[in-house]
Amino acid sequence: MPQRSDTDRAEVARLVHETVAAILPQVPAGQITGDKHLKDLGADSVDRVEIVMALIDALGVREPMARFSTVPDIDALIDFLVEVKQR
């Protein structure tokens, strides 16, 4: 049985992938990998804000947008969201 944090990470990862795919429908799902930054997938600044806002809303967390500006890739975004969610 997975630990709670593993389950949380899997849930957040699924949500991130679904959200990115919904906001960037031109990107094939197989290209949404952990080592990519949203910019690598063609997301402009508006897309990135929309993705982060959707994730914040879906997870019911409160975090300043500025805290997301230094996240280097999707894996780091998932880890950051898990950390914020567990606070």
N, C-alpha and C. Protein backbone atom coordinates (compact mmCIF):
# COMPACT_ATOMS: atom_id res chain seq x y z
N MET A 1 0.85 -1.19 0.00
CA MET A 1 0.00 0.00 0.00
C MET A 1 0.89 1.25 0.00
N PRO A 2 0.63 2.21 -0.91
CA PRO A 2 1.48 3.40 -0.97
C PRO A 2 1.29 4.28 0.27
N GLN A 3 2.34 4.99 0.62
CA GLN A 3 2.25 5.93 1.72
C GLN A 3 1.37 7.10 1.31
N ARG A 4 0.85 7.80 2.28
CA ARG A 4 -0.04 8.94 2.03
C ARG A 4 0.62 9.96 1.11
N SER A 5 1.89 10.26 1.33
CA SER A 5 2.55 11.27 0.50
C SER A 5 2.69 10.79 -0.95
N ASP A 6 2.88 9.48 -1.15
CA ASP A 6 2.94 8.94 -2.51
C ASP A 6 1.59 9.09 -3.20
N THR A 7 0.53 8.82 -2.44
CA THR A 7 -0.82 8.95 -2.97
C THR A 7 -1.11 10.41 -3.32
N ASP A 8 -0.74 11.31 -2.41
CA ASP A 8 -0.94 12.74 -2.66
C ASP A 8 -0.18 13.17 -3.91
N ARG A 9 1.06 12.71 -4.06
CA ARG A 9 1.86 13.11 -5.21
C ARG A 9 1.23 12.58 -6.50
N ALA A 10 0.77 11.35 -6.48
CA ALA A 10 0.13 10.77 -7.68
C ALA A 10 -1.14 11.55 -8.05
N GLU A 11 -1.90 11.93 -7.04
CA GLU A 11 -3.12 12.70 -7.26
C GLU A 11 -2.80 14.08 -7.85
N VAL A 12 -1.82 14.74 -7.28
CA VAL A 12 -1.42 16.06 -7.77
C VAL A 12 -0.82 15.95 -9.17
N ALA A 13 -0.02 14.93 -9.42
CA ALA A 13 0.57 14.72 -10.75
C ALA A 13 -0.52 14.54 -11.79
N ARG A 14 -1.53 13.73 -11.47
CA ARG A 14 -2.65 13.53 -12.40
C ARG A 14 -3.35 14.86 -12.68
N LEU A 15 -3.60 15.63 -11.63
CA LEU A 15 -4.27 16.92 -11.79
C LEU A 15 -3.44 17.88 -12.64
N VAL A 16 -2.13 17.92 -12.39
CA VAL A 16 -1.25 18.79 -13.18
C VAL A 16 -1.30 18.39 -14.66
N HIS A 17 -1.18 17.11 -14.93
CA HIS A 17 -1.20 16.65 -16.33
C HIS A 17 -2.54 16.96 -17.00
N GLU A 18 -3.63 16.72 -16.29
CA GLU A 18 -4.96 17.02 -16.84
C GLU A 18 -5.12 18.51 -17.10
N THR A 19 -4.66 19.33 -16.18
CA THR A 19 -4.81 20.79 -16.32
C THR A 19 -3.97 21.31 -17.48
N VAL A 20 -2.72 20.86 -17.57
CA VAL A 20 -1.85 21.29 -18.67
C VAL A 20 -2.46 20.86 -20.00
N ALA A 21 -2.94 19.62 -20.07
CA ALA A 21 -3.53 19.11 -21.30
C ALA A 21 -4.78 19.91 -21.70
N ALA A 22 -5.57 20.32 -20.72
CA ALA A 22 -6.78 21.08 -21.01
C ALA A 22 -6.46 22.49 -21.49
N ILE A 23 -5.45 23.12 -20.92
CA ILE A 23 -5.12 24.50 -21.26
C ILE A 23 -4.22 24.57 -22.50
N LEU A 24 -3.45 23.52 -22.73
CA LEU A 24 -2.58 23.44 -23.91
C LEU A 24 -2.98 22.23 -24.75
N PRO A 25 -4.17 22.25 -25.35
CA PRO A 25 -4.65 21.06 -26.07
C PRO A 25 -3.81 20.68 -27.28
N GLN A 26 -2.98 21.59 -27.77
CA GLN A 26 -2.14 21.29 -28.92
C GLN A 26 -0.93 20.42 -28.55
N VAL A 27 -0.68 20.26 -27.26
CA VAL A 27 0.47 19.47 -26.80
C VAL A 27 0.05 18.02 -26.60
N PRO A 28 0.70 17.09 -27.30
CA PRO A 28 0.39 15.67 -27.08
C PRO A 28 0.67 15.27 -25.63
N ALA A 29 -0.20 14.46 -25.06
CA ALA A 29 -0.09 14.07 -23.65
C ALA A 29 1.28 13.48 -23.33
N GLY A 30 1.87 12.75 -24.26
CA GLY A 30 3.16 12.14 -24.04
C GLY A 30 4.30 13.13 -23.90
N GLN A 31 4.08 14.36 -24.31
CA GLN A 31 5.12 15.39 -24.18
C GLN A 31 5.06 16.12 -22.84
N ILE A 32 4.00 15.89 -22.08
CA ILE A 32 3.87 16.53 -20.77
C ILE A 32 4.61 15.66 -19.77
N THR A 33 5.92 15.87 -19.69
CA THR A 33 6.77 15.07 -18.82
C THR A 33 7.38 15.94 -17.73
N GLY A 34 7.81 15.27 -16.68
CA GLY A 34 8.29 15.97 -15.49
C GLY A 34 9.48 16.86 -15.69
N ASP A 35 10.29 16.56 -16.70
CA ASP A 35 11.51 17.35 -16.91
C ASP A 35 11.29 18.59 -17.76
N LYS A 36 10.07 18.84 -18.19
CA LYS A 36 9.77 19.99 -19.04
C LYS A 36 9.23 21.15 -18.20
N HIS A 37 9.62 22.35 -18.60
CA HIS A 37 9.03 23.56 -18.04
C HIS A 37 7.80 23.86 -18.89
N LEU A 38 6.83 24.54 -18.33
CA LEU A 38 5.64 24.87 -19.10
C LEU A 38 5.98 25.66 -20.37
N LYS A 39 7.03 26.48 -20.30
CA LYS A 39 7.47 27.23 -21.50
C LYS A 39 7.91 26.27 -22.60
N ASP A 40 8.55 25.14 -22.20
CA ASP A 40 9.00 24.15 -23.18
C ASP A 40 7.82 23.56 -23.95
N LEU A 41 6.65 23.58 -23.34
CA LEU A 41 5.44 23.04 -23.97
C LEU A 41 4.69 24.09 -24.78
N GLY A 42 5.23 25.29 -24.83
CA GLY A 42 4.61 26.36 -25.60
C GLY A 42 3.69 27.27 -24.81
N ALA A 43 3.69 27.13 -23.48
CA ALA A 43 2.82 27.96 -22.65
C ALA A 43 3.41 29.36 -22.53
N ASP A 44 2.61 30.36 -22.90
CA ASP A 44 3.04 31.74 -22.70
C ASP A 44 2.71 32.15 -21.26
N SER A 45 3.00 33.38 -20.91
CA SER A 45 2.80 33.81 -19.52
C SER A 45 1.34 33.72 -19.09
N VAL A 46 0.41 34.01 -19.98
CA VAL A 46 -1.01 33.92 -19.65
C VAL A 46 -1.40 32.47 -19.42
N ASP A 47 -0.93 31.56 -20.29
CA ASP A 47 -1.20 30.14 -20.11
C ASP A 47 -0.67 29.65 -18.77
N ARG A 48 0.55 30.06 -18.43
CA ARG A 48 1.16 29.60 -17.18
C ARG A 48 0.37 30.08 -15.96
N VAL A 49 -0.07 31.33 -15.99
CA VAL A 49 -0.90 31.86 -14.89
C VAL A 49 -2.21 31.08 -14.83
N GLU A 50 -2.81 30.82 -15.97
CA GLU A 50 -4.08 30.08 -16.02
C GLU A 50 -3.90 28.67 -15.44
N ILE A 51 -2.80 28.02 -15.79
CA ILE A 51 -2.53 26.67 -15.27
C ILE A 51 -2.37 26.70 -13.76
N VAL A 52 -1.55 27.61 -13.27
CA VAL A 52 -1.30 27.69 -11.83
C VAL A 52 -2.59 28.05 -11.08
N MET A 53 -3.35 29.00 -11.58
CA MET A 53 -4.60 29.39 -10.92
C MET A 53 -5.58 28.21 -10.88
N ALA A 54 -5.68 27.47 -11.97
CA ALA A 54 -6.56 26.30 -12.01
C ALA A 54 -6.12 25.25 -10.99
N LEU A 55 -4.82 25.05 -10.86
CA LEU A 55 -4.31 24.07 -9.90
C LEU A 55 -4.56 24.53 -8.47
N ILE A 56 -4.32 25.80 -8.19
CA ILE A 56 -4.58 26.34 -6.86
C ILE A 56 -6.05 26.17 -6.49
N ASP A 57 -6.93 26.50 -7.43
CA ASP A 57 -8.37 26.37 -7.19
C ASP A 57 -8.76 24.91 -6.97
N ALA A 58 -8.26 24.02 -7.82
CA ALA A 58 -8.62 22.60 -7.74
C ALA A 58 -8.15 21.97 -6.43
N LEU A 59 -7.00 22.41 -5.96
CA LEU A 59 -6.45 21.84 -4.73
C LEU A 59 -6.93 22.57 -3.47
N GLY A 60 -7.56 23.72 -3.66
CA GLY A 60 -8.06 24.47 -2.52
C GLY A 60 -6.96 25.03 -1.63
N VAL A 61 -5.86 25.43 -2.26
CA VAL A 61 -4.74 25.98 -1.48
C VAL A 61 -4.60 27.47 -1.77
N ARG A 62 -3.90 28.13 -0.86
CA ARG A 62 -3.61 29.55 -1.04
C ARG A 62 -2.11 29.72 -1.06
N GLU A 63 -1.62 30.27 -2.14
CA GLU A 63 -0.19 30.48 -2.28
C GLU A 63 0.02 31.64 -3.23
N PRO A 64 0.91 32.58 -2.91
CA PRO A 64 1.15 33.70 -3.81
C PRO A 64 1.69 33.22 -5.16
N MET A 65 1.21 33.83 -6.21
CA MET A 65 1.65 33.47 -7.57
C MET A 65 3.17 33.60 -7.73
N ALA A 66 3.75 34.57 -7.06
CA ALA A 66 5.20 34.80 -7.19
C ALA A 66 6.01 33.57 -6.77
N ARG A 67 5.47 32.77 -5.87
CA ARG A 67 6.19 31.58 -5.41
C ARG A 67 6.35 30.54 -6.52
N PHE A 68 5.53 30.62 -7.56
CA PHE A 68 5.58 29.65 -8.65
C PHE A 68 6.58 30.05 -9.74
N SER A 69 7.08 31.26 -9.69
CA SER A 69 7.92 31.76 -10.78
C SER A 69 9.28 31.08 -10.86
N THR A 70 9.73 30.48 -9.78
CA THR A 70 11.04 29.84 -9.79
C THR A 70 10.98 28.33 -9.96
N VAL A 71 9.79 27.78 -10.16
CA VAL A 71 9.65 26.33 -10.33
C VAL A 71 10.25 25.95 -11.68
N PRO A 72 11.28 25.08 -11.69
CA PRO A 72 12.01 24.81 -12.92
C PRO A 72 11.36 23.86 -13.91
N ASP A 73 10.49 22.96 -13.43
CA ASP A 73 9.88 22.00 -14.35
C ASP A 73 8.61 21.42 -13.73
N ILE A 74 7.95 20.54 -14.47
CA ILE A 74 6.67 19.99 -14.01
C ILE A 74 6.84 19.15 -12.76
N ASP A 75 7.91 18.35 -12.66
CA ASP A 75 8.14 17.57 -11.45
C ASP A 75 8.26 18.48 -10.23
N ALA A 76 8.99 19.57 -10.36
CA ALA A 76 9.14 20.51 -9.25
C ALA A 76 7.81 21.19 -8.93
N LEU A 77 7.00 21.45 -9.96
CA LEU A 77 5.68 22.03 -9.73
C LEU A 77 4.82 21.07 -8.92
N ILE A 78 4.85 19.80 -9.29
CA ILE A 78 4.08 18.78 -8.56
C ILE A 78 4.55 18.72 -7.10
N ASP A 79 5.86 18.64 -6.89
CA ASP A 79 6.41 18.57 -5.54
C ASP A 79 6.02 19.80 -4.72
N PHE A 80 6.11 20.97 -5.34
CA PHE A 80 5.76 22.21 -4.65
C PHE A 80 4.28 22.21 -4.25
N LEU A 81 3.41 21.78 -5.16
CA LEU A 81 1.98 21.74 -4.86
C LEU A 81 1.67 20.73 -3.75
N VAL A 82 2.35 19.60 -3.75
CA VAL A 82 2.16 18.61 -2.68
C VAL A 82 2.56 19.23 -1.33
N GLU A 83 3.69 19.92 -1.33
CA GLU A 83 4.16 20.56 -0.09
C GLU A 83 3.15 21.61 0.39
N VAL A 84 2.67 22.44 -0.51
CA VAL A 84 1.70 23.48 -0.15
C VAL A 84 0.40 22.84 0.36
N LYS A 85 -0.02 21.79 -0.29
CA LYS A 85 -1.27 21.11 0.08
C LYS A 85 -1.18 20.49 1.47
N GLN A 86 0.00 20.02 1.86
CA GLN A 86 0.17 19.34 3.13
C GLN A 86 0.36 20.29 4.30
N ARG A 87 0.50 21.57 4.03
CA ARG A 87 0.69 22.55 5.13
C ARG A 87 -0.58 22.70 5.92
